[in-house]
Amino acid sequence: MDSTSEKSSVSSVVPKSAASVVLLREGSDGVEIYLLRRHRKAGFMASSYVFPGGICDEGESDTRETAVRELFEESGVLLSSQSFAPEQRQSMRDALNADGTMPPEGTFDVSGLHYFAHWITPTVEKRRYSAEFYLAVMPEGQIASPDNTEVVDEIWVTPAQALAQAKELRLPPPQVRTCLELLELAKGGIAAILEGSQSRSDNRHAILPRLLASEKDVTLLLPWDVDYDRGQGEALAMPSGHALAWGPSRFVLSDGEWHHTLAPGADEE
């Protein structure tokens, strides 16, 4: 789901397990989310603003472990039941990023993660990921900052602000959809978002977009789109009436921006 992707033939690349963290905090304009800009030379989603995250390392059987580690690596935000001075956190982060040296056992705490979504990269992509998205609340007393290697810039924005700046931020489809899904929940603050995540966890279903062949635009169909069965690549259909199957059902890439739209002739529910 790279915003720079061009139409390609279906591949047989097996998606790698991965995780992302939607970091939340209360801001002056409401709930804000944290986005990091990927390096312009990155092999996937170059220059796009994304949630902190990455692929599972060897030995990580639970994507929550990956989520906490990647969050710490890329943003310096440590989810832990223990208290560490800023210099201790920085030392552990430096070691982790330098050669993969993990913090002492028991440092990471996954209990603060809340499941939100699961996205699988379309079959048409050369790099594919099966990424679970988790919510986490920004710990008090910590400051987030990019690692200046994989990610080189940062921004805190409300979901509404992110959507309004989608082109400027080069937001990929999962980020756009997540911001849309957070809009209504965010009106009730972080507590409402976390409460809403429980329903999403109870109704888990991976989102696997399919490419709709067209000479005009690059279009990705979500599982509840009326044309999903006409798309190219692997499919993972949703049962009719699934709790996650609402609103815009496709992404159209136009002028460098992913537009999240309804299928032609469809009515907004």
Protein backbone atom coordinates (compact mmCIF):
# COMPACT_ATOMS: atom_id res chain seq x y z
CA MET A 1 0.00 0.00 0.00
CA ASP A 2 2.83 2.28 -0.92
CA SER A 3 1.64 5.68 -2.20
CA THR A 4 4.35 5.58 -4.85
CA SER A 5 3.37 2.14 -6.15
CA GLU A 6 2.53 1.57 -9.78
CA LYS A 7 0.20 -1.11 -11.08
CA SER A 8 1.95 -4.45 -11.26
CA SER A 9 1.19 -8.09 -11.83
CA VAL A 10 0.14 -10.35 -8.98
CA SER A 11 3.07 -11.71 -6.97
CA SER A 12 3.37 -14.66 -4.63
CA VAL A 13 5.29 -12.85 -1.90
CA VAL A 14 4.36 -14.13 1.56
CA PRO A 15 3.61 -11.21 3.92
CA LYS A 16 5.93 -10.76 6.90
CA SER A 17 4.42 -10.41 10.37
CA ALA A 18 4.60 -6.82 11.62
CA ALA A 19 3.06 -4.39 14.08
CA SER A 20 2.31 -0.67 14.34
CA VAL A 21 1.40 1.57 17.26
CA VAL A 22 -1.13 4.38 17.15
CA LEU A 23 0.20 6.56 19.97
CA LEU A 24 -2.42 8.82 21.59
CA ARG A 25 -2.29 11.93 23.73
CA GLU A 26 -4.70 14.70 24.74
CA GLY A 27 -3.88 17.93 22.90
CA SER A 28 -5.30 21.44 22.87
CA ASP A 29 -7.60 20.55 19.96
CA GLY A 30 -8.54 17.10 21.24
CA VAL A 31 -6.98 13.66 20.96
CA GLU A 32 -3.79 13.66 18.89
CA ILE A 33 -1.96 10.83 17.15
CA TYR A 34 1.77 10.54 16.53
CA LEU A 35 3.12 10.12 13.00
CA LEU A 36 6.70 9.64 11.82
CA ARG A 37 8.01 10.39 8.33
CA ARG A 38 9.90 7.53 6.75
CA HIS A 39 13.27 8.25 5.15
CA ARG A 40 13.05 9.25 1.49
CA LYS A 41 15.31 6.31 0.58
CA ALA A 42 13.17 3.77 2.43
CA GLY A 43 12.22 0.75 0.34
CA PHE A 44 8.56 0.91 1.42
CA MET A 45 6.36 4.00 1.87
CA ALA A 46 9.32 6.35 1.34
CA SER A 47 8.71 9.89 2.69
CA SER A 48 5.26 8.93 3.98
CA TYR A 49 4.09 9.73 7.49
CA VAL A 50 3.16 6.51 9.25
CA PHE A 51 2.61 5.11 12.71
CA PRO A 52 5.70 3.75 14.48
CA GLY A 53 6.18 0.08 13.65
CA GLY A 54 8.04 -2.60 11.76
CA ILE A 55 8.48 -6.32 11.14
CA CYS A 56 8.78 -8.97 13.82
CA ASP A 57 12.29 -9.93 14.84
CA GLU A 58 13.36 -13.53 15.27
CA GLY A 59 12.00 -14.83 18.55
CA GLU A 60 9.02 -12.48 18.67
CA SER A 61 5.97 -14.74 18.48
CA ASP A 62 3.57 -12.06 19.68
CA THR A 63 3.13 -8.91 17.57
CA ARG A 64 2.63 -6.93 20.77
CA GLU A 65 6.29 -7.56 21.57
CA THR A 66 7.18 -6.18 18.15
CA ALA A 67 4.93 -3.17 18.67
CA VAL A 68 6.54 -2.17 21.97
CA ARG A 69 10.08 -2.68 20.65
CA GLU A 70 9.50 -0.80 17.39
CA LEU A 71 7.81 2.06 19.24
CA PHE A 72 10.87 2.38 21.45
CA GLU A 73 13.32 2.12 18.56
CA GLU A 74 11.63 4.62 16.29
CA SER A 75 10.15 7.14 18.73
CA GLY A 76 11.98 6.61 22.02
CA VAL A 77 8.67 6.07 23.80
CA LEU A 78 9.02 3.25 26.32
CA LEU A 79 6.01 1.26 27.46
CA SER A 80 7.10 -0.21 30.77
CA SER A 81 5.75 -0.93 34.23
CA GLN A 82 9.10 0.26 35.58
CA SER A 83 10.32 3.82 36.00
CA PHE A 84 13.48 4.94 34.19
CA ALA A 85 15.28 8.26 34.13
CA PRO A 86 15.46 9.97 30.71
CA GLU A 87 19.17 9.16 30.40
CA GLN A 88 18.48 5.48 31.13
CA ARG A 89 15.83 5.32 28.44
CA GLN A 90 18.17 7.02 25.98
CA SER A 91 21.00 4.61 26.75
CA MET A 92 18.76 1.59 26.21
CA ARG A 93 17.39 3.05 22.99
CA ASP A 94 20.86 3.82 21.66
CA ALA A 95 21.99 0.24 22.34
CA LEU A 96 18.88 -1.22 20.74
CA ASN A 97 19.29 0.86 17.59
CA ALA A 98 23.06 0.39 17.39
CA ASP A 99 23.31 -3.39 17.45
CA GLY A 100 19.99 -4.81 18.56
CA THR A 101 20.90 -5.06 22.25
CA MET A 102 17.61 -5.52 24.06
CA PRO A 103 16.80 -3.76 27.34
CA PRO A 104 16.90 -5.93 30.48
CA GLU A 105 14.24 -8.62 30.63
CA GLY A 106 10.99 -7.26 31.99
CA THR A 107 11.58 -3.72 30.75
CA PHE A 108 8.94 -3.82 28.01
CA ASP A 109 5.28 -4.04 29.05
CA VAL A 110 2.66 -4.98 26.46
CA SER A 111 -0.31 -4.52 28.80
CA GLY A 112 -0.76 -0.92 27.64
CA LEU A 113 -1.48 -2.01 24.06
CA HIS A 114 -5.03 -2.22 22.74
CA TYR A 115 -5.81 -4.00 19.48
CA PHE A 116 -7.29 -1.78 16.76
CA ALA A 117 -6.82 -3.25 13.27
CA HIS A 118 -5.05 -5.77 11.07
CA TRP A 119 -3.88 -4.86 7.56
CA ILE A 120 -2.32 -7.15 4.97
CA THR A 121 -0.45 -5.62 2.05
CA PRO A 122 -2.09 -6.41 -1.32
CA THR A 123 -0.66 -9.24 -3.38
CA VAL A 124 0.39 -6.80 -6.10
CA GLU A 125 3.10 -5.30 -3.88
CA LYS A 126 6.67 -6.60 -3.97
CA ARG A 127 7.02 -6.05 -0.21
CA ARG A 128 4.17 -7.46 1.83
CA TYR A 129 3.32 -7.24 5.51
CA SER A 130 0.67 -8.65 7.79
CA ALA A 131 0.56 -5.86 10.36
CA GLU A 132 -1.51 -5.63 13.49
CA PHE A 133 -2.24 -2.10 14.70
CA TYR A 134 -2.39 -1.31 18.41
CA LEU A 135 -3.38 1.75 20.39
CA ALA A 136 -1.21 3.06 23.24
CA VAL A 137 -1.40 6.13 25.45
CA MET A 138 1.65 8.40 25.56
CA PRO A 139 3.32 7.81 28.96
CA GLU A 140 3.54 10.83 31.25
CA GLY A 141 6.96 12.46 31.48
CA GLN A 142 8.26 11.07 28.17
CA ILE A 143 9.01 12.90 24.94
CA ALA A 144 8.82 11.26 21.54
CA SER A 145 11.50 11.82 18.91
CA PRO A 146 12.40 10.15 15.57
CA ASP A 147 15.50 7.95 15.41
CA ASN A 148 16.78 9.97 12.40
CA THR A 149 17.65 6.76 10.59
CA GLU A 150 14.51 4.94 9.54
CA VAL A 151 12.31 7.90 10.37
CA VAL A 152 13.39 11.53 10.08
CA ASP A 153 10.53 13.77 11.14
CA GLU A 154 7.48 13.74 13.40
CA ILE A 155 4.11 15.34 13.89
CA TRP A 156 1.33 15.25 16.46
CA VAL A 157 -2.06 15.87 14.84
CA THR A 158 -5.70 15.14 15.50
CA PRO A 159 -7.25 12.52 13.20
CA ALA A 160 -9.20 15.30 11.47
CA GLN A 161 -6.05 17.34 10.90
CA ALA A 162 -4.23 14.31 9.51
CA LEU A 163 -7.02 13.66 7.01
CA ALA A 164 -7.04 17.32 5.96
CA GLN A 165 -3.28 17.10 5.33
CA ALA A 166 -3.34 13.61 3.79
CA LYS A 167 -1.64 14.67 0.55
CA GLU A 168 1.04 16.74 2.26
CA LEU A 169 1.74 13.91 4.72
CA ARG A 170 1.62 11.28 1.95
CA LEU A 171 -0.59 9.12 4.15
CA PRO A 172 -0.87 5.48 3.00
CA PRO A 173 -4.30 3.78 3.01
CA PRO A 174 -4.03 2.14 6.48
CA GLN A 175 -3.20 5.51 8.06
CA VAL A 176 -6.05 7.25 6.23
CA ARG A 177 -8.56 4.58 7.22
CA THR A 178 -7.38 4.52 10.83
CA CYS A 179 -7.77 8.30 11.11
CA LEU A 180 -11.30 8.02 9.70
CA GLU A 181 -12.17 5.27 12.17
CA LEU A 182 -10.85 7.38 15.04
CA LEU A 183 -12.80 10.53 14.15
CA GLU A 184 -16.03 9.78 15.97
CA LEU A 185 -14.38 7.94 18.86
CA ALA A 186 -11.99 10.84 19.46
CA LYS A 187 -14.89 13.14 20.32
CA GLY A 188 -15.17 11.25 23.60
CA GLY A 189 -11.46 11.50 24.37
CA ILE A 190 -8.89 8.77 24.84
CA ALA A 191 -11.16 6.80 27.18
CA ALA A 192 -13.79 6.50 24.44
CA ILE A 193 -11.18 5.38 21.91
CA LEU A 194 -9.91 2.65 24.21
CA GLU A 195 -13.45 1.54 24.98
CA GLY A 196 -14.21 1.38 21.25
CA SER A 197 -11.12 -0.71 20.63
CA GLN A 198 -12.65 -3.56 22.64
CA SER A 199 -15.46 -3.94 20.12
CA ARG A 200 -12.91 -3.95 17.29
CA SER A 201 -10.92 -6.64 19.11
CA ASP A 202 -14.08 -8.73 19.52
CA ASN A 203 -14.74 -8.43 15.77
CA ARG A 204 -11.24 -8.92 14.37
CA HIS A 205 -10.92 -9.32 10.63
CA ALA A 206 -7.83 -8.63 8.53
CA ILE A 207 -8.18 -6.04 5.79
CA LEU A 208 -6.66 -7.33 2.55
CA PRO A 209 -7.18 -4.83 -0.32
CA ARG A 210 -7.36 -6.00 -3.92
CA LEU A 211 -6.31 -4.09 -7.04
CA LEU A 212 -9.06 -3.11 -9.49
CA ALA A 213 -7.61 -3.17 -12.98
CA SER A 214 -8.10 0.18 -14.72
CA GLU A 215 -6.35 2.20 -17.38
CA LYS A 216 -7.17 5.41 -15.55
CA ASP A 217 -6.37 5.10 -11.85
CA VAL A 218 -4.80 2.80 -9.30
CA THR A 219 -7.73 1.61 -7.20
CA LEU A 220 -7.61 -0.60 -4.12
CA LEU A 221 -10.79 -2.33 -3.04
CA LEU A 222 -11.54 -3.07 0.61
CA PRO A 223 -13.30 -6.35 1.50
CA TRP A 224 -16.80 -4.83 1.67
CA ASP A 225 -16.58 -3.07 -1.71
CA VAL A 226 -19.21 -4.19 -4.22
CA ASP A 227 -16.45 -4.93 -6.75
CA TYR A 228 -14.13 -6.76 -4.36
CA ASP A 229 -14.66 -10.09 -6.11
CA ARG A 230 -13.47 -8.50 -9.37
CA GLY A 231 -10.15 -7.38 -7.92
CA GLN A 232 -6.73 -8.86 -8.57
CA GLY A 233 -4.74 -10.79 -6.00
CA GLU A 234 -5.52 -12.79 -2.90
CA ALA A 235 -8.87 -12.10 -1.28
CA LEU A 236 -10.14 -12.16 2.28
CA ALA A 237 -13.83 -11.35 2.08
CA MET A 238 -15.83 -10.02 5.02
CA PRO A 239 -19.17 -11.48 6.08
CA SER A 240 -22.13 -9.29 5.18
CA GLY A 241 -22.84 -6.75 7.89
CA HIS A 242 -19.47 -7.11 9.62
CA ALA A 243 -18.89 -4.41 12.24
CA LEU A 244 -15.80 -3.07 10.48
CA ALA A 245 -17.41 -2.92 7.04
CA TRP A 246 -18.76 0.62 6.92
CA GLY A 247 -18.23 3.83 4.98
CA PRO A 248 -15.84 4.33 2.04
CA SER A 249 -14.81 1.00 0.54
CA ARG A 250 -11.98 1.84 -1.84
CA PHE A 251 -8.84 3.90 -2.27
CA VAL A 252 -8.08 5.72 -5.50
CA LEU A 253 -4.55 7.05 -6.10
CA SER A 254 -4.73 10.38 -7.88
CA ASP A 255 -2.16 13.16 -8.09
CA GLY A 256 -0.02 11.51 -5.42
CA GLU A 257 -2.82 11.17 -2.87
CA TRP A 258 -4.87 8.20 -1.76
CA HIS A 259 -8.53 9.24 -1.84
CA HIS A 260 -10.78 7.12 0.39
CA THR A 261 -14.09 6.93 -1.46
CA LEU A 262 -17.35 5.08 -1.87
CA ALA A 263 -17.90 2.77 -4.82
CA PRO A 264 -19.70 4.53 -7.70
CA GLY A 265 -23.41 4.59 -6.98
CA ALA A 266 -23.01 3.50 -3.37
CA ASP A 267 -24.72 5.38 -0.55
CA GLU A 268 -22.98 6.38 2.68
CA GLU A 269 -24.38 4.31 5.52
